[in-house]
PDB file of all heavy atoms in Angstrom:
ATOM      1  N   ALA A   1     -69.313 -76.042  15.869  1.00  0.00           N
ATOM      2  CA  ALA A   1     -69.048 -75.944  17.315  1.00  0.00           C
ATOM      3  C   ALA A   1     -70.032 -74.815  17.748  1.00  0.00           C
ATOM      4  O   ALA A   1     -70.310 -73.886  17.110  1.00  0.00           O
ATOM      5  CB  ALA A   1     -67.623 -75.444  17.594  1.00  0.00           C
ATOM      6  N   GLU A   2     -70.532 -75.102  18.899  1.00  0.00           N
ATOM      7  CA  GLU A   2     -71.404 -74.130  19.635  1.00  0.00           C
ATOM      8  C   GLU A   2     -70.585 -73.120  20.359  1.00  0.00           C
ATOM      9  O   GLU A   2     -70.792 -71.909  20.282  1.00  0.00           O
ATOM     10  CB  GLU A   2     -72.243 -74.840  20.697  1.00  0.00           C
ATOM     11  CG  GLU A   2     -73.315 -73.927  21.277  1.00  0.00           C
ATOM     12  CD  GLU A   2     -74.263 -74.677  22.261  1.00  0.00           C
ATOM     13  OE1 GLU A   2     -73.937 -74.958  23.353  1.00  0.00           O
ATOM     14  OE2 GLU A   2     -75.453 -74.967  21.734  1.00  0.00           O
ATOM     15  N   ASP A   3     -69.459 -73.674  20.956  1.00  0.00           N
ATOM     16  CA  ASP A   3     -68.372 -72.692  21.597  1.00  0.00           C
ATOM     17  C   ASP A   3     -67.255 -73.601  21.895  1.00  0.00           C
ATOM     18  O   ASP A   3     -67.195 -74.721  21.703  1.00  0.00           O
ATOM     19  CB  ASP A   3     -69.037 -71.986  22.740  1.00  0.00           C
ATOM     20  CG  ASP A   3     -69.508 -73.013  23.892  1.00  0.00           C
ATOM     21  OD1 ASP A   3     -68.900 -74.114  23.913  1.00  0.00           O
ATOM     22  OD2 ASP A   3     -70.606 -72.664  24.529  1.00  0.00           O
ATOM     23  N   TRP A   4     -66.233 -72.909  22.354  1.00  0.00           N
ATOM     24  CA  TRP A   4     -64.995 -73.604  22.895  1.00  0.00           C
ATOM     25  C   TRP A   4     -64.339 -72.744  24.043  1.00  0.00           C
ATOM     26  O   TRP A   4     -64.675 -71.599  24.171  1.00  0.00           O
ATOM     27  CB  TRP A   4     -63.892 -73.892  21.718  1.00  0.00           C
ATOM     28  CG  TRP A   4     -63.451 -72.688  21.038  1.00  0.00           C
ATOM     29  CD1 TRP A   4     -62.655 -71.702  21.501  1.00  0.00           C
ATOM     30  CD2 TRP A   4     -63.895 -72.209  19.835  1.00  0.00           C
ATOM     31  NE1 TRP A   4     -62.331 -70.771  20.649  1.00  0.00           N
ATOM     32  CE2 TRP A   4     -63.071 -71.035  19.482  1.00  0.00           C
ATOM     33  CE3 TRP A   4     -64.758 -72.734  18.810  1.00  0.00           C
ATOM     34  CZ2 TRP A   4     -63.124 -70.453  18.167  1.00  0.00           C
ATOM     35  CZ3 TRP A   4     -64.825 -72.022  17.528  1.00  0.00           C
ATOM     36  CH2 TRP A   4     -64.050 -70.797  17.251  1.00  0.00           C
ATOM     37  N   GLU A   5     -63.560 -73.458  24.669  1.00  0.00           N
ATOM     38  CA  GLU A   5     -62.808 -72.805  25.862  1.00  0.00           C
ATOM     39  C   GLU A   5     -61.324 -73.287  25.767  1.00  0.00           C
ATOM     40  O   GLU A   5     -61.111 -74.538  25.708  1.00  0.00           O
ATOM     41  CB  GLU A   5     -63.444 -73.251  27.171  1.00  0.00           C
ATOM     42  CG  GLU A   5     -62.661 -72.689  28.306  1.00  0.00           C
ATOM     43  CD  GLU A   5     -63.211 -73.110  29.664  1.00  0.00           C
ATOM     44  OE1 GLU A   5     -64.171 -73.929  29.676  1.00  0.00           O
ATOM     45  OE2 GLU A   5     -62.816 -72.541  30.747  1.00  0.00           O
ATOM     46  N   LEU A   6     -60.465 -72.382  25.756  1.00  0.00           N
ATOM     47  CA  LEU A   6     -59.049 -72.745  25.824  1.00  0.00           C
ATOM     48  C   LEU A   6     -58.468 -72.377  27.111  1.00  0.00           C
ATOM     49  O   LEU A   6     -58.527 -71.235  27.543  1.00  0.00           O
ATOM     50  CB  LEU A   6     -58.351 -71.900  24.696  1.00  0.00           C
ATOM     51  CG  LEU A   6     -56.799 -71.984  24.587  1.00  0.00           C
ATOM     52  CD1 LEU A   6     -56.456 -73.361  24.141  1.00  0.00           C
ATOM     53  CD2 LEU A   6     -56.217 -71.010  23.565  1.00  0.00           C
ATOM     54  N   VAL A   7     -57.794 -73.446  27.725  1.00  0.00           N
ATOM     55  CA  VAL A   7     -57.070 -73.175  28.918  1.00  0.00           C
ATOM     56  C   VAL A   7     -55.579 -73.371  28.591  1.00  0.00           C
ATOM     57  O   VAL A   7     -55.065 -74.326  28.443  1.00  0.00           O
ATOM     58  CB  VAL A   7     -57.504 -74.223  29.967  1.00  0.00           C
ATOM     59  CG1 VAL A   7     -56.684 -74.008  31.346  1.00  0.00           C
ATOM     60  CG2 VAL A   7     -59.001 -74.172  30.228  1.00  0.00           C
ATOM     61  N   THR A   8     -54.978 -72.135  28.453  1.00  0.00           N
ATOM     62  CA  THR A   8     -53.590 -72.213  27.950  1.00  0.00           C
ATOM     63  C   THR A   8     -52.580 -72.745  28.816  1.00  0.00           C
ATOM     64  O   THR A   8     -51.610 -73.393  28.533  1.00  0.00           O
ATOM     65  CB  THR A   8     -53.107 -70.783  27.607  1.00  0.00           C
ATOM     66  OG1 THR A   8     -53.332 -69.806  28.724  1.00  0.00           O
ATOM     67  CG2 THR A   8     -53.925 -70.282  26.355  1.00  0.00           C
ATOM     68  N   ASP A   9     -52.880 -72.654  30.232  1.00  0.00           N
ATOM     69  CA  ASP A   9     -52.020 -73.303  31.230  1.00  0.00           C
ATOM     70  C   ASP A   9     -51.840 -74.661  31.023  1.00  0.00           C
ATOM     71  O   ASP A   9     -50.838 -75.367  31.350  1.00  0.00           O
ATOM     72  CB  ASP A   9     -52.317 -72.726  32.650  1.00  0.00           C
ATOM     73  CG  ASP A   9     -52.181 -71.360  32.889  1.00  0.00           C
ATOM     74  OD1 ASP A   9     -51.385 -70.649  32.062  1.00  0.00           O
ATOM     75  OD2 ASP A   9     -52.789 -70.795  33.865  1.00  0.00           O
ATOM     76  N   ASP A  10     -52.992 -75.314  30.679  1.00  0.00           N
ATOM     77  CA  ASP A  10     -53.051 -76.771  30.586  1.00  0.00           C
ATOM     78  C   ASP A  10     -52.924 -77.201  29.023  1.00  0.00           C
ATOM     79  O   ASP A  10     -53.075 -78.439  28.846  1.00  0.00           O
ATOM     80  CB  ASP A  10     -54.374 -77.291  31.194  1.00  0.00           C
ATOM     81  CG  ASP A  10     -54.452 -77.033  32.736  1.00  0.00           C
ATOM     82  OD1 ASP A  10     -53.362 -77.088  33.260  1.00  0.00           O
ATOM     83  OD2 ASP A  10     -55.511 -76.853  33.224  1.00  0.00           O
ATOM     84  N   ASP A  11     -52.883 -76.417  28.138  1.00  0.00           N
ATOM     85  CA  ASP A  11     -52.778 -76.697  26.683  1.00  0.00           C
ATOM     86  C   ASP A  11     -54.064 -77.406  26.338  1.00  0.00           C
ATOM     87  O   ASP A  11     -53.950 -78.387  25.582  1.00  0.00           O
ATOM     88  CB  ASP A  11     -51.532 -77.485  26.350  1.00  0.00           C
ATOM     89  CG  ASP A  11     -50.220 -76.593  26.493  1.00  0.00           C
ATOM     90  OD1 ASP A  11     -50.387 -75.297  26.282  1.00  0.00           O
ATOM     91  OD2 ASP A  11     -49.275 -77.085  26.665  1.00  0.00           O
ATOM     92  N   GLU A  12     -55.274 -77.100  26.897  1.00  0.00           N
ATOM     93  CA  GLU A  12     -56.529 -77.748  26.659  1.00  0.00           C
ATOM     94  C   GLU A  12     -57.507 -76.921  25.977  1.00  0.00           C
ATOM     95  O   GLU A  12     -57.696 -75.772  26.284  1.00  0.00           O
ATOM     96  CB  GLU A  12     -57.006 -78.468  27.869  1.00  0.00           C
ATOM     97  CG  GLU A  12     -56.243 -79.569  28.346  1.00  0.00           C
ATOM     98  CD  GLU A  12     -56.985 -80.264  29.609  1.00  0.00           C
ATOM     99  OE1 GLU A  12     -58.139 -79.789  30.014  1.00  0.00           O
ATOM    100  OE2 GLU A  12     -56.524 -81.246  29.997  1.00  0.00           O
ATOM    101  N   LEU A  13     -58.208 -77.420  24.821  1.00  0.00           N
ATOM    102  CA  LEU A  13     -59.048 -76.824  24.215  1.00  0.00           C
ATOM    103  C   LEU A  13     -60.318 -77.604  24.298  1.00  0.00           C
ATOM    104  O   LEU A  13     -60.370 -78.715  23.634  1.00  0.00           O
ATOM    105  CB  LEU A  13     -58.717 -76.564  22.717  1.00  0.00           C
ATOM    106  CG  LEU A  13     -59.631 -75.811  21.768  1.00  0.00           C
ATOM    107  CD1 LEU A  13     -59.766 -74.388  22.162  1.00  0.00           C
ATOM    108  CD2 LEU A  13     -59.053 -75.808  20.301  1.00  0.00           C
ATOM    109  N   THR A  14     -61.384 -77.138  24.889  1.00  0.00           N
ATOM    110  CA  THR A  14     -62.643 -78.023  25.029  1.00  0.00           C
ATOM    111  C   THR A  14     -63.682 -77.425  24.086  1.00  0.00           C
ATOM    112  O   THR A  14     -63.973 -76.180  24.171  1.00  0.00           O
ATOM    113  CB  THR A  14     -63.150 -77.950  26.501  1.00  0.00           C
ATOM    114  OG1 THR A  14     -62.105 -78.519  27.213  1.00  0.00           O
ATOM    115  CG2 THR A  14     -64.410 -78.794  26.619  1.00  0.00           C
ATOM    116  N   VAL A  15     -64.215 -78.223  23.210  1.00  0.00           N
ATOM    117  CA  VAL A  15     -65.177 -77.809  22.179  1.00  0.00           C
ATOM    118  C   VAL A  15     -66.505 -78.616  22.423  1.00  0.00           C
ATOM    119  O   VAL A  15     -66.571 -79.791  22.593  1.00  0.00           O
ATOM    120  CB  VAL A  15     -64.664 -78.196  20.841  1.00  0.00           C
ATOM    121  CG1 VAL A  15     -65.622 -77.697  19.703  1.00  0.00           C
ATOM    122  CG2 VAL A  15     -63.335 -77.524  20.579  1.00  0.00           C
ATOM    123  N   THR A  16     -67.616 -77.729  22.259  1.00  0.00           N
ATOM    124  CA  THR A  16     -68.952 -78.270  22.451  1.00  0.00           C
ATOM    125  C   THR A  16     -69.711 -78.145  21.036  1.00  0.00           C
ATOM    126  O   THR A  16     -69.733 -77.085  20.543  1.00  0.00           O
ATOM    127  CB  THR A  16     -69.739 -77.516  23.502  1.00  0.00           C
ATOM    128  OG1 THR A  16     -69.145 -77.628  24.744  1.00  0.00           O
ATOM    129  CG2 THR A  16     -71.161 -78.113  23.529  1.00  0.00           C
ATOM    130  N   LEU A  17     -70.111 -79.198  20.520  1.00  0.00           N
ATOM    131  CA  LEU A  17     -70.839 -79.304  19.243  1.00  0.00           C
ATOM    132  C   LEU A  17     -72.299 -78.586  19.457  1.00  0.00           C
ATOM    133  O   LEU A  17     -72.888 -78.728  20.431  1.00  0.00           O
ATOM    134  CB  LEU A  17     -71.080 -80.640  18.753  1.00  0.00           C
ATOM    135  CG  LEU A  17     -69.678 -81.390  18.222  1.00  0.00           C
ATOM    136  CD1 LEU A  17     -70.022 -82.877  17.996  1.00  0.00           C
ATOM    137  CD2 LEU A  17     -69.199 -80.715  17.022  1.00  0.00           C
ATOM    138  N   ARG A  18     -72.812 -78.129  18.302  1.00  0.00           N
ATOM    139  CA  ARG A  18     -74.187 -77.629  18.232  1.00  0.00           C
ATOM    140  C   ARG A  18     -75.083 -78.965  18.410  1.00  0.00           C
ATOM    141  O   ARG A  18     -74.698 -80.029  17.990  1.00  0.00           O
ATOM    142  CB  ARG A  18     -74.479 -76.941  17.040  1.00  0.00           C
ATOM    143  CG  ARG A  18     -73.722 -75.696  16.784  1.00  0.00           C
ATOM    144  CD  ARG A  18     -74.196 -74.948  15.460  1.00  0.00           C
ATOM    145  NE  ARG A  18     -73.316 -73.852  15.293  1.00  0.00           N
ATOM    146  CZ  ARG A  18     -73.498 -72.552  15.854  1.00  0.00           C
ATOM    147  NH1 ARG A  18     -74.395 -72.379  16.683  1.00  0.00           N
ATOM    148  NH2 ARG A  18     -72.570 -71.622  15.445  1.00  0.00           N
ATOM    149  N   SER A  19     -76.227 -78.658  18.776  1.00  0.00           N
ATOM    150  CA  SER A  19     -77.152 -79.862  19.022  1.00  0.00           C
ATOM    151  C   SER A  19     -77.780 -80.123  17.600  1.00  0.00           C
ATOM    152  O   SER A  19     -77.878 -79.220  16.739  1.00  0.00           O
ATOM    153  CB  SER A  19     -78.321 -79.548  20.015  1.00  0.00           C
ATOM    154  OG  SER A  19     -78.949 -78.444  19.663  1.00  0.00           O
ATOM    155  N   ASP A  20     -78.346 -81.305  17.430  1.00  0.00           N
ATOM    156  CA  ASP A  20     -79.061 -81.814  16.264  1.00  0.00           C
ATOM    157  C   ASP A  20     -78.354 -81.525  15.084  1.00  0.00           C
ATOM    158  O   ASP A  20     -78.809 -80.985  13.986  1.00  0.00           O
ATOM    159  CB  ASP A  20     -80.381 -81.047  16.316  1.00  0.00           C
ATOM    160  CG  ASP A  20     -81.243 -81.408  17.397  1.00  0.00           C
ATOM    161  OD1 ASP A  20     -81.269 -82.493  17.890  1.00  0.00           O
ATOM    162  OD2 ASP A  20     -81.914 -80.542  17.838  1.00  0.00           O
ATOM    163  N   LEU A  21     -77.039 -82.162  14.988  1.00  0.00           N
ATOM    164  CA  LEU A  21     -76.283 -82.048  13.713  1.00  0.00           C
ATOM    165  C   LEU A  21     -76.373 -83.356  12.953  1.00  0.00           C
ATOM    166  O   LEU A  21     -76.277 -84.356  13.697  1.00  0.00           O
ATOM    167  CB  LEU A  21     -74.745 -81.666  14.013  1.00  0.00           C
ATOM    168  CG  LEU A  21     -74.656 -80.294  14.648  1.00  0.00           C
ATOM    169  CD1 LEU A  21     -73.166 -80.111  14.896  1.00  0.00           C
ATOM    170  CD2 LEU A  21     -74.958 -79.140  13.714  1.00  0.00           C
ATOM    171  N   TYR A  22     -76.527 -83.369  11.593  1.00  0.00           N
ATOM    172  CA  TYR A  22     -76.506 -84.435  10.888  1.00  0.00           C
ATOM    173  C   TYR A  22     -75.637 -84.507   9.591  1.00  0.00           C
ATOM    174  O   TYR A  22     -75.455 -83.373   9.161  1.00  0.00           O
ATOM    175  CB  TYR A  22     -77.956 -84.711  10.388  1.00  0.00           C
ATOM    176  CG  TYR A  22     -78.998 -84.842  11.485  1.00  0.00           C
ATOM    177  CD1 TYR A  22     -79.546 -83.719  12.047  1.00  0.00           C
ATOM    178  CD2 TYR A  22     -79.247 -86.082  12.116  1.00  0.00           C
ATOM    179  CE1 TYR A  22     -80.533 -83.910  13.066  1.00  0.00           C
ATOM    180  CE2 TYR A  22     -80.184 -86.202  13.184  1.00  0.00           C
ATOM    181  CZ  TYR A  22     -80.842 -85.081  13.660  1.00  0.00           C
ATOM    182  OH  TYR A  22     -81.638 -85.188  14.704  1.00  0.00           O
ATOM    183  N   TRP A  23     -75.198 -85.754   9.297  1.00  0.00           N
ATOM    184  CA  TRP A  23     -74.506 -85.935   8.025  1.00  0.00           C
ATOM    185  C   TRP A  23     -75.708 -85.985   6.884  1.00  0.00           C
ATOM    186  O   TRP A  23     -76.831 -86.200   7.217  1.00  0.00           O
ATOM    187  CB  TRP A  23     -73.671 -87.286   7.931  1.00  0.00           C
ATOM    188  CG  TRP A  23     -72.636 -87.269   8.936  1.00  0.00           C
ATOM    189  CD1 TRP A  23     -72.646 -88.011  10.105  1.00  0.00           C
ATOM    190  CD2 TRP A  23     -71.354 -86.481   8.926  1.00  0.00           C
ATOM    191  NE1 TRP A  23     -71.489 -87.729  10.923  1.00  0.00           N
ATOM    192  CE2 TRP A  23     -70.714 -86.905  10.351  1.00  0.00           C
ATOM    193  CE3 TRP A  23     -70.830 -85.630   8.129  1.00  0.00           C
ATOM    194  CZ2 TRP A  23     -69.481 -86.232  10.457  1.00  0.00           C
ATOM    195  CZ3 TRP A  23     -69.663 -84.991   8.413  1.00  0.00           C
ATOM    196  CH2 TRP A  23     -68.965 -85.343   9.599  1.00  0.00           C
ATOM    197  N   HIS A  24     -75.281 -85.852   5.671  1.00  0.00           N
ATOM    198  CA  HIS A  24     -76.083 -85.784   4.565  1.00  0.00           C
ATOM    199  C   HIS A  24     -76.923 -87.082   4.431  1.00  0.00           C
ATOM    200  O   HIS A  24     -78.036 -87.066   3.794  1.00  0.00           O
ATOM    201  CB  HIS A  24     -75.413 -85.483   3.247  1.00  0.00           C
ATOM    202  CG  HIS A  24     -74.801 -84.109   3.134  1.00  0.00           C
ATOM    203  ND1 HIS A  24     -73.820 -83.753   2.402  1.00  0.00           N
ATOM    204  CD2 HIS A  24     -75.151 -82.928   3.765  1.00  0.00           C
ATOM    205  CE1 HIS A  24     -73.534 -82.572   2.620  1.00  0.00           C
ATOM    206  NE2 HIS A  24     -74.296 -82.041   3.422  1.00  0.00           N
ATOM    207  N   ASP A  25     -76.431 -88.198   4.950  1.00  0.00           N
ATOM    208  CA  ASP A  25     -77.131 -89.497   4.890  1.00  0.00           C
ATOM    209  C   ASP A  25     -78.072 -89.746   6.092  1.00  0.00           C
ATOM    210  O   ASP A  25     -78.548 -90.794   6.229  1.00  0.00           O
ATOM    211  CB  ASP A  25     -76.212 -90.607   4.649  1.00  0.00           C
ATOM    212  CG  ASP A  25     -75.207 -90.826   5.845  1.00  0.00           C
ATOM    213  OD1 ASP A  25     -75.286 -90.057   6.807  1.00  0.00           O
ATOM    214  OD2 ASP A  25     -74.286 -91.640   5.842  1.00  0.00           O
ATOM    215  N   GLY A  26     -78.178 -88.673   6.854  1.00  0.00           N
ATOM    216  CA  GLY A  26     -79.106 -88.800   7.944  1.00  0.00           C
ATOM    217  C   GLY A  26     -78.535 -89.211   9.277  1.00  0.00           C
ATOM    218  O   GLY A  26     -79.204 -89.183  10.358  1.00  0.00           O
ATOM    219  N   GLU A  27     -77.276 -89.764   9.400  1.00  0.00           N
ATOM    220  CA  GLU A  27     -76.640 -90.183  10.542  1.00  0.00           C
ATOM    221  C   GLU A  27     -76.261 -88.905  11.367  1.00  0.00           C
ATOM    222  O   GLU A  27     -75.943 -87.889  10.880  1.00  0.00           O
ATOM    223  CB  GLU A  27     -75.297 -90.910  10.207  1.00  0.00           C
ATOM    224  CG  GLU A  27     -75.606 -92.226   9.580  1.00  0.00           C
ATOM    225  CD  GLU A  27     -76.178 -93.208  10.634  1.00  0.00           C
ATOM    226  OE1 GLU A  27     -75.796 -93.272  11.722  1.00  0.00           O
ATOM    227  OE2 GLU A  27     -77.085 -94.019  10.095  1.00  0.00           O
ATOM    228  N   PRO A  28     -76.359 -89.069  12.677  1.00  0.00           N
ATOM    229  CA  PRO A  28     -76.065 -87.888  13.515  1.00  0.00           C
ATOM    230  C   PRO A  28     -74.490 -87.581  13.627  1.00  0.00           C
ATOM    231  O   PRO A  28     -73.641 -88.548  13.419  1.00  0.00           O
ATOM    232  CB  PRO A  28     -76.563 -88.268  14.966  1.00  0.00           C
ATOM    233  CG  PRO A  28     -76.593 -89.806  14.954  1.00  0.00           C
ATOM    234  CD  PRO A  28     -76.877 -90.161  13.535  1.00  0.00           C
ATOM    235  N   ILE A  29     -74.089 -86.368  13.795  1.00  0.00           N
ATOM    236  CA  ILE A  29     -72.770 -86.050  13.993  1.00  0.00           C
ATOM    237  C   ILE A  29     -72.349 -86.035  15.427  1.00  0.00           C
ATOM    238  O   ILE A  29     -73.199 -85.330  16.218  1.00  0.00           O
ATOM    239  CB  ILE A  29     -72.348 -84.657  13.348  1.00  0.00           C
ATOM    240  CG1 ILE A  29     -72.789 -84.619  11.879  1.00  0.00           C
ATOM    241  CG2 ILE A  29     -71.017 -84.368  13.599  1.00  0.00           C
ATOM    242  CD1 ILE A  29     -72.486 -83.211  11.257  1.00  0.00           C
ATOM    243  N   THR A  30     -71.384 -86.681  15.866  1.00  0.00           N
ATOM    244  CA  THR A  30     -71.076 -86.899  17.381  1.00  0.00           C
ATOM    245  C   THR A  30     -69.655 -86.526  17.438  1.00  0.00           C
ATOM    246  O   THR A  30     -68.844 -86.343  16.570  1.00  0.00           O
ATOM    247  CB  THR A  30     -71.366 -88.291  17.859  1.00  0.00           C
ATOM    248  OG1 THR A  30     -70.375 -89.220  17.204  1.00  0.00           O
ATOM    249  CG2 THR A  30     -72.729 -88.854  17.444  1.00  0.00           C
ATOM    250  N   ALA A  31     -69.276 -86.429  18.835  1.00  0.00           N
ATOM    251  CA  ALA A  31     -67.935 -86.184  19.215  1.00  0.00           C
ATOM    252  C   ALA A  31     -66.905 -87.320  18.628  1.00  0.00           C
ATOM    253  O   ALA A  31     -65.812 -86.973  18.380  1.00  0.00           O
ATOM    254  CB  ALA A  31     -67.820 -86.077  20.732  1.00  0.00           C
ATOM    255  N   GLU A  32     -67.413 -88.443  18.393  1.00  0.00           N
ATOM    256  CA  GLU A  32     -66.630 -89.476  17.872  1.00  0.00           C
ATOM    257  C   GLU A  32     -66.187 -89.164  16.462  1.00  0.00           C
ATOM    258  O   GLU A  32     -65.049 -89.628  16.014  1.00  0.00           O
ATOM    259  CB  GLU A  32     -67.291 -90.846  17.944  1.00  0.00           C
ATOM    260  CG  GLU A  32     -67.319 -91.465  19.268  1.00  0.00           C
ATOM    261  CD  GLU A  32     -67.755 -92.984  19.130  1.00  0.00           C
ATOM    262  OE1 GLU A  32     -67.899 -93.633  18.027  1.00  0.00           O
ATOM    263  OE2 GLU A  32     -68.037 -93.591  20.251  1.00  0.00           O
ATOM    264  N   ASP A  33     -66.986 -88.580  15.635  1.00  0.00           N
ATOM    265  CA  ASP A  33     -66.574 -88.131  14.341  1.00  0.00           C
ATOM    266  C   ASP A  33     -65.481 -87.083  14.400  1.00  0.00           C
ATOM    267  O   ASP A  33     -64.612 -87.058  13.591  1.00  0.00           O
ATOM    268  CB  ASP A  33     -67.816 -87.590  13.570  1.00  0.00           C
ATOM    269  CG  ASP A  33     -68.847 -88.566  13.260  1.00  0.00           C
ATOM    270  OD1 ASP A  33     -68.564 -89.542  12.601  1.00  0.00           O
ATOM    271  OD2 ASP A  33     -70.029 -88.359  13.675  1.00  0.00           O
ATOM    272  N   VAL A  34     -65.562 -86.192  15.371  1.00  0.00           N
ATOM    273  CA  VAL A  34     -64.463 -85.161  15.501  1.00  0.00           C
ATOM    274  C   VAL A  34     -63.142 -85.862  15.862  1.00  0.00           C
ATOM    275  O   VAL A  34     -62.062 -85.439  15.278  1.00  0.00           O
ATOM    276  CB  VAL A  34     -64.890 -84.138  16.672  1.00  0.00           C
ATOM    277  CG1 VAL A  34     -63.779 -83.224  16.822  1.00  0.00           C
ATOM    278  CG2 VAL A  34     -66.156 -83.459  16.214  1.00  0.00           C
ATOM    279  N   GLU A  35     -63.129 -86.800  16.909  1.00  0.00           N
ATOM    280  CA  GLU A  35     -61.894 -87.425  17.245  1.00  0.00           C
ATOM    281  C   GLU A  35     -61.424 -88.222  16.025  1.00  0.00           C
ATOM    282  O   GLU A  35     -60.204 -88.282  15.766  1.00  0.00           O
ATOM    283  CB  GLU A  35     -62.249 -88.508  18.347  1.00  0.00           C
ATOM    284  CG  GLU A  35     -61.231 -89.379  18.787  1.00  0.00           C
ATOM    285  CD  GLU A  35     -61.573 -90.425  19.738  1.00  0.00           C
ATOM    286  OE1 GLU A  35     -62.598 -91.042  19.552  1.00  0.00           O
ATOM    287  OE2 GLU A  35     -60.822 -90.771  20.710  1.00  0.00           O
ATOM    288  N   PHE A  36     -62.287 -88.881  15.282  1.00  0.00           N
ATOM    289  CA  PHE A  36     -61.929 -89.713  14.069  1.00  0.00           C
ATOM    290  C   PHE A  36     -61.243 -88.789  13.089  1.00  0.00           C
ATOM    291  O   PHE A  36     -60.118 -89.103  12.414  1.00  0.00           O
ATOM    292  CB  PHE A  36     -63.005 -90.434  13.505  1.00  0.00           C
ATOM    293  CG  PHE A  36     -62.774 -90.975  12.082  1.00  0.00           C
ATOM    294  CD1 PHE A  36     -62.132 -92.146  11.943  1.00  0.00           C
ATOM    295  CD2 PHE A  36     -63.186 -90.169  11.018  1.00  0.00           C
ATOM    296  CE1 PHE A  36     -61.856 -92.690  10.733  1.00  0.00           C
ATOM    297  CE2 PHE A  36     -62.921 -90.765   9.644  1.00  0.00           C
ATOM    298  CZ  PHE A  36     -62.233 -91.956   9.557  1.00  0.00           C
ATOM    299  N   THR A  37     -61.895 -87.562  12.714  1.00  0.00           N
ATOM    300  CA  THR A  37     -61.300 -86.714  11.742  1.00  0.00           C
ATOM    301  C   THR A  37     -59.901 -86.324  12.062  1.00  0.00           C
ATOM    302  O   THR A  37     -58.983 -86.412  11.152  1.00  0.00           O
ATOM    303  CB  THR A  37     -62.070 -85.481  11.689  1.00  0.00           C
ATOM    304  OG1 THR A  37     -63.370 -85.693  11.307  1.00  0.00           O
ATOM    305  CG2 THR A  37     -61.558 -84.386  10.652  1.00  0.00           C
ATOM    306  N   TYR A  38     -59.497 -85.923  13.223  1.00  0.00           N
ATOM    307  CA  TYR A  38     -58.166 -85.474  13.529  1.00  0.00           C
ATOM    308  C   TYR A  38     -57.226 -86.656  13.522  1.00  0.00           C
ATOM    309  O   TYR A  38     -55.984 -86.563  13.020  1.00  0.00           O
ATOM    310  CB  TYR A  38     -58.176 -84.691  14.946  1.00  0.00           C
ATOM    311  CG  TYR A  38     -58.708 -83.341  14.763  1.00  0.00           C
ATOM    312  CD1 TYR A  38     -60.102 -83.120  14.861  1.00  0.00           C
ATOM    313  CD2 TYR A  38     -57.719 -82.233  14.467  1.00  0.00           C
ATOM    314  CE1 TYR A  38     -60.512 -81.826  14.547  1.00  0.00           C
ATOM    315  CE2 TYR A  38     -58.331 -80.942  14.304  1.00  0.00           C
ATOM    316  CZ  TYR A  38     -59.748 -80.862  14.383  1.00  0.00           C
ATOM    317  OH  TYR A  38     -60.121 -79.460  14.115  1.00  0.00           O
ATOM    318  N   ASP A  39     -57.613 -87.852  14.009  1.00  0.00           N
ATOM    319  CA  ASP A  39     -56.898 -89.050  14.037  1.00  0.00           C
ATOM    320  C   ASP A  39     -56.599 -89.399  12.490  1.00  0.00           C
ATOM    321  O   ASP A  39     -55.414 -89.758  12.097  1.00  0.00           O
ATOM    322  CB  ASP A  39     -57.388 -90.219  14.767  1.00  0.00           C
ATOM    323  CG  ASP A  39     -57.333 -89.936  16.147  1.00  0.00           C
ATOM    324  OD1 ASP A  39     -56.719 -89.115  16.734  1.00  0.00           O
ATOM    325  OD2 ASP A  39     -58.227 -90.705  16.906  1.00  0.00           O
ATOM    326  N   PHE A  40     -57.458 -89.305  11.759  1.00  0.00           N
ATOM    327  CA  PHE A  40     -57.503 -89.677  10.339  1.00  0.00           C
ATOM    328  C   PHE A  40     -56.557 -88.782   9.453  1.00  0.00           C
ATOM    329  O   PHE A  40     -55.797 -89.224   8.620  1.00  0.00           O
ATOM    330  CB  PHE A  40     -58.860 -89.717   9.698  1.00  0.00           C
ATOM    331  CG  PHE A  40     -59.091 -90.461   8.379  1.00  0.00           C
ATOM    332  CD1 PHE A  40     -58.790 -91.914   8.366  1.00  0.00           C
ATOM    333  CD2 PHE A  40     -59.309 -89.859   7.249  1.00  0.00           C
ATOM    334  CE1 PHE A  40     -58.887 -92.665   7.158  1.00  0.00           C
ATOM    335  CE2 PHE A  40     -59.464 -90.617   5.990  1.00  0.00           C
ATOM    336  CZ  PHE A  40     -59.271 -91.977   6.050  1.00  0.00           C
ATOM    337  N   LEU A  41     -56.696 -87.431   9.763  1.00  0.00           N
ATOM    338  CA  LEU A  41     -55.834 -86.505   9.015  1.00  0.00           C
ATOM    339  C   LEU A  41     -54.360 -86.746   9.326  1.00  0.00           C
ATOM    340  O   LEU A  41     -53.560 -86.421   8.435  1.00  0.00           O
ATOM    341  CB  LEU A  41     -56.287 -85.059   9.307  1.00  0.00           C
ATOM    342  CG  LEU A  41     -57.604 -84.596   8.904  1.00  0.00           C
ATOM    343  CD1 LEU A  41     -57.992 -83.224   9.442  1.00  0.00           C
ATOM    344  CD2 LEU A  41     -57.803 -84.612   7.337  1.00  0.00           C
ATOM    345  N   GLU A  42     -54.064 -87.099  10.555  1.00  0.00           N
ATOM    346  CA  GLU A  42     -52.615 -87.282  10.885  1.00  0.00           C
ATOM    347  C   GLU A  42     -52.154 -88.667  10.348  1.00  0.00           C
ATOM    348  O   GLU A  42     -50.945 -88.789  10.015  1.00  0.00           O
ATOM    349  CB  GLU A  42     -52.545 -87.339  12.439  1.00  0.00           C
ATOM    350  CG  GLU A  42     -51.222 -87.426  12.950  1.00  0.00           C
ATOM    351  CD  GLU A  42     -50.948 -87.076  14.358  1.00  0.00           C
ATOM    352  OE1 GLU A  42     -52.016 -87.007  15.132  1.00  0.00           O
ATOM    353  OE2 GLU A  42     -49.877 -87.161  14.886  1.00  0.00           O
ATOM    354  N   ASP A  43     -53.052 -89.666  10.109  1.00  0.00           N
ATOM    355  CA  ASP A  43     -52.565 -90.872   9.601  1.00  0.00           C
ATOM    356  C   ASP A  43     -53.853 -91.494   8.909  1.00  0.00           C
ATOM    357  O   ASP A  43     -54.616 -92.169   9.641  1.00  0.00           O
ATOM    358  CB  ASP A  43     -52.117 -91.870  10.534  1.00  0.00           C
ATOM    359  CG  ASP A  43     -51.581 -93.185  10.088  1.00  0.00           C
ATOM    360  OD1 ASP A  43     -51.461 -93.274   8.799  1.00  0.00           O
ATOM    361  OD2 ASP A  43     -51.350 -94.094  10.800  1.00  0.00           O
TER     362      ASP A  43
END
């Protein structure tokens, strides 16, 4: 993450990824990978 912002009144945490992030196989890391990770860990 490059940074994050927590708004406690709204229970929201907004995270911004660093730019130019890659997986070891060369695919780019995107926000969809983040969403997938948390969904996958839960089920």
